Every structure is written in structure tokens, then in C-alpha cells.
């Protein structure tokens, strides 16, 4: 059974066996999360969904279709965890937990533009001004209630840059994953 559309004959996509295996494990974990008792150590959760990577192969699954499904799956896991937490501890406890996570983002947001991340050690990185523009939107979301969605942050792309006009990609990606985690928790 084909779960996702395939990339064309000459294009690459995600390895179908890896994708199918991951989604099967995720489905099982999601269904088991309603059962009482401790979580299995190999069970998938929203962190696994956010960080999973698949090999690229010819005629694999279309990456955009799989990525969109992963985004929906992450939201489903977070909504389940939120509902369980609110049921056990109340809405206020959930919001306190989210606020605690959000405050860990602030130190970097308070840094001056151009100094929020280190430049790449060598080669290209993300254009610092473009990253700073997105982080300014994050500040406006937290401080002024401006609109910003997890999908916008997930879909953000940055032009390449070099030297002191660039930020190293890894730390930016990791930080934006944490921003997405907070935004999904309140959406």
C-alpha cells in the first residue's frame, strides 16, 4: 500500500520503507498513549516526529507530502499530551509549563541583531538579517501578541551568507525547533 505520492522517475524522495516504518511506530505509540501505565522506551513522541530524518532515494515519497503529514502528526501528539496534562493538572498548570519553556527562549532574543548566533566556522550559513527578522517576529508574538504560527516558523527559509553576515545553521535550526515546540503547545 502506498501511503504517500511518489516523486517522479528522475526525482528523489524519502525512502518509503523508512517512512512507512516510522508512521506505523507513531500510530502504535499514539494509540497506546491512551492506555494507563508507563510509556514504552521505544515509543514515538512529538520530539521524535520533529527530528526524524529519512534517506533520499529515487522515486521515494514526495518530501512535501511526508513533511506535511509529520507536521500534522506532531500537532496531534502535542494536543494529546496537552489534553492529558490538563485533565490531570488543569489548564493553568499547562500554561505555566509552556510559559517556562518560552522563557528559555528569551536570552537569545534579547541579544542585538547580528549577534544572536555565532557565524559558521567555515563556509556558508543562514543570512543573519533574515534570521533576525524572524526572531523579531517571535519577540513581537511574545511581547505584543502579534500573529505567528508554528507553520510559519517551520516553513521559514533563509538565503545563504558567509562570514559575519551569517549564522551557523545548526544552532539556528535547533532554536527554531524550540520555538515551534512552544507555538504548537498553545495553538
Protein backbone atom coordinates (compact mmCIF):
# COMPACT_ATOMS: atom_id res chain seq x y z
CA UNK A 1 0.00 0.00 0.00
CA UNK A 2 1.37 3.41 -0.97
CA UNK A 3 0.85 5.91 1.81
CA UNK A 4 2.21 8.99 0.05
CA UNK A 5 2.58 10.08 -3.57
CA UNK A 6 5.87 9.14 -5.19
CA UNK A 7 8.44 11.51 -6.61
CA UNK A 8 8.88 11.30 -10.39
CA UNK A 9 11.19 8.81 -12.09
CA UNK A 10 14.15 11.17 -12.08
CA UNK A 11 13.49 12.81 -8.72
CA UNK A 12 14.37 11.77 -5.22
CA UNK A 13 12.06 11.45 -2.26
CA UNK A 14 12.07 9.93 1.19
CA UNK A 15 12.79 6.20 1.43
CA UNK A 16 9.32 4.58 1.53
CA UNK A 17 10.30 1.73 3.87
CA UNK A 18 11.71 4.16 6.44
CA UNK A 19 8.68 6.46 6.21
CA UNK A 20 6.18 3.60 6.44
CA UNK A 21 8.03 2.08 9.41
CA UNK A 22 8.15 5.41 11.26
CA UNK A 23 4.48 6.19 10.69
CA UNK A 24 3.49 2.67 11.81
CA UNK A 25 5.51 3.09 15.03
CA UNK A 26 4.00 6.55 15.52
CA UNK A 27 0.46 5.23 15.02
CA UNK A 28 1.06 2.48 17.57
CA UNK A 29 2.55 4.95 20.06
CA UNK A 30 -0.34 7.36 19.60
CA UNK A 31 -2.92 4.62 20.14
CA UNK A 32 -1.03 3.25 23.17
CA UNK A 33 -0.75 6.71 24.74
CA UNK A 34 -4.38 6.41 25.84
CA UNK A 35 -3.61 3.28 27.82
CA UNK A 36 -2.64 3.53 31.50
CA UNK A 37 0.90 2.76 32.57
CA UNK A 38 4.38 3.90 31.65
CA UNK A 39 5.34 4.72 28.10
CA UNK A 40 7.44 2.14 26.24
CA UNK A 41 11.06 3.31 25.85
CA UNK A 42 10.92 2.86 22.05
CA UNK A 43 7.60 4.73 21.69
CA UNK A 44 7.49 7.70 19.35
CA UNK A 45 6.54 11.15 20.67
CA UNK A 46 6.36 14.69 19.28
CA UNK A 47 10.11 15.22 19.73
CA UNK A 48 10.80 12.17 17.56
CA UNK A 49 8.35 13.43 14.95
CA UNK A 50 10.03 16.84 14.88
CA UNK A 51 13.54 15.42 14.46
CA UNK A 52 13.06 12.31 12.31
CA UNK A 53 15.12 12.15 9.12
CA UNK A 54 14.76 9.83 6.16
CA UNK A 55 17.18 8.85 3.42
CA UNK A 56 16.57 10.29 -0.03
CA UNK A 57 16.10 7.71 -2.79
CA UNK A 58 14.98 7.80 -6.42
CA UNK A 59 11.20 7.59 -6.75
CA UNK A 60 10.76 7.85 -2.99
CA UNK A 61 7.81 9.51 -1.32
CA UNK A 62 7.34 13.19 -2.14
CA UNK A 63 9.08 15.08 0.62
CA UNK A 64 6.48 17.84 0.85
CA UNK A 65 3.66 15.34 1.41
CA UNK A 66 5.59 13.48 4.11
CA UNK A 67 6.70 16.72 5.79
CA UNK A 68 3.10 17.98 5.90
CA UNK A 69 1.98 14.69 7.46
CA UNK A 70 4.77 14.93 10.03
CA UNK A 71 3.64 18.45 10.95
CA UNK A 72 0.07 17.20 11.49
CA UNK A 73 1.33 14.22 13.48
CA UNK A 74 3.41 16.44 15.76
CA UNK A 75 0.37 18.60 16.44
CA UNK A 76 -1.72 15.51 17.23
CA UNK A 77 0.86 14.27 19.75
CA UNK A 78 1.06 17.69 21.41
CA UNK A 79 -2.72 18.01 21.55
CA UNK A 80 -2.95 14.58 23.16
CA UNK A 81 -0.24 15.45 25.71
CA UNK A 82 -1.94 18.80 26.41
CA UNK A 83 -5.34 17.16 26.93
CA UNK A 84 -3.82 14.55 29.26
CA UNK A 85 -1.91 17.20 31.22
CA UNK A 86 -4.93 19.48 31.54
CA UNK A 87 -7.08 16.55 32.63
CA UNK A 88 -4.61 15.64 35.36
CA UNK A 89 -3.34 19.07 36.43
CA UNK A 90 -5.58 21.77 34.93
CA UNK A 91 -5.26 24.41 32.20
CA UNK A 92 -3.26 26.78 34.39
CA UNK A 93 -0.56 24.13 35.01
CA UNK A 94 -0.27 23.52 31.25
CA UNK A 95 0.12 27.21 30.51
CA UNK A 96 2.73 27.55 33.28
CA UNK A 97 4.70 24.71 31.72
CA UNK A 98 4.52 26.36 28.28
CA UNK A 99 5.49 29.73 29.76
CA UNK A 100 8.52 28.12 31.42
CA UNK A 101 9.62 26.74 28.06
CA UNK A 102 9.02 30.08 26.36
CA UNK A 103 11.16 31.96 28.89
CA UNK A 104 14.15 29.76 27.97
CA UNK A 105 13.98 31.36 24.51
CA UNK A 106 14.30 34.93 25.78
CA UNK A 107 18.03 35.28 26.45
CA UNK A 108 18.86 34.82 22.77
CA UNK A 109 16.01 37.10 21.70
CA UNK A 110 17.42 39.88 23.89
CA UNK A 111 20.77 39.84 22.10
CA UNK A 112 21.36 42.54 19.50
CA UNK A 113 20.58 41.73 15.88
CA UNK A 114 23.62 40.25 14.20
CA UNK A 115 24.82 38.72 17.49
CA UNK A 116 22.09 36.21 18.29
CA UNK A 117 24.06 33.22 16.97
CA UNK A 118 27.69 32.52 16.11
CA UNK A 119 28.80 32.67 12.48
CA UNK A 120 29.61 29.39 10.73
CA UNK A 121 33.12 28.12 11.40
CA UNK A 122 33.62 27.82 7.66
CA UNK A 123 31.54 28.02 4.52
CA UNK A 124 28.02 29.30 4.26
CA UNK A 125 25.35 29.80 6.86
CA UNK A 126 21.97 31.48 7.07
CA UNK A 127 21.74 35.18 6.29
CA UNK A 128 21.82 36.78 9.74
CA UNK A 129 19.48 39.65 8.83
CA UNK A 130 16.81 37.20 7.61
CA UNK A 131 17.08 35.08 10.76
CA UNK A 132 16.93 38.22 12.91
CA UNK A 133 13.79 39.35 11.06
CA UNK A 134 12.06 36.09 12.00
CA UNK A 135 13.30 36.34 15.60
CA UNK A 136 11.92 39.88 15.75
CA UNK A 137 8.54 38.38 14.82
CA UNK A 138 8.97 35.87 17.68
CA UNK A 139 9.61 38.79 20.05
CA UNK A 140 6.50 40.57 18.74
CA UNK A 141 4.48 37.38 19.24
CA UNK A 142 5.55 37.04 22.87
CA UNK A 143 5.59 40.72 23.82
CA UNK A 144 2.81 42.25 21.72
CA UNK A 145 0.56 39.35 20.81
CA UNK A 146 1.38 39.59 17.09
CA UNK A 147 0.32 36.67 14.92
CA UNK A 148 2.85 33.89 14.34
CA UNK A 149 2.21 30.22 13.71
CA UNK A 150 4.33 27.11 14.04
CA UNK A 151 3.80 26.52 10.31
CA UNK A 152 5.33 29.92 9.51
CA UNK A 153 8.40 29.17 11.60
CA UNK A 154 8.70 25.63 10.18
CA UNK A 155 8.44 26.95 6.64
CA UNK A 156 10.93 29.77 7.07
CA UNK A 157 13.84 29.73 4.66
CA UNK A 158 16.90 31.91 4.76
CA UNK A 159 19.22 32.92 1.94
CA UNK A 160 22.83 31.77 2.26
CA UNK A 161 25.50 34.13 3.52
CA UNK A 162 29.14 33.98 4.60
CA UNK A 163 31.31 35.39 7.34
CA UNK A 164 29.95 37.85 9.86
CA UNK A 165 26.75 38.27 7.82
CA UNK A 166 25.82 34.64 8.52
CA UNK A 167 24.71 32.47 11.39
CA UNK A 168 25.70 28.81 11.71
CA UNK A 169 22.75 26.70 10.55
CA UNK A 170 22.69 24.01 13.28
CA UNK A 171 22.13 26.30 16.27
CA UNK A 172 19.51 28.32 14.35
CA UNK A 173 17.63 25.15 13.38
CA UNK A 174 17.73 23.82 16.95
CA UNK A 175 16.49 27.12 18.35
CA UNK A 176 13.66 27.37 15.83
CA UNK A 177 12.63 23.80 16.73
CA UNK A 178 12.17 25.01 20.31
CA UNK A 179 10.14 27.99 19.07
CA UNK A 180 7.91 25.60 17.11
CA UNK A 181 7.52 23.42 20.19
CA UNK A 182 6.19 26.39 22.18
CA UNK A 183 3.92 27.62 19.38
CA UNK A 184 2.40 24.17 18.82
CA UNK A 185 1.74 23.86 22.54
CA UNK A 186 -0.54 26.91 22.51
CA UNK A 187 -2.15 26.63 19.05
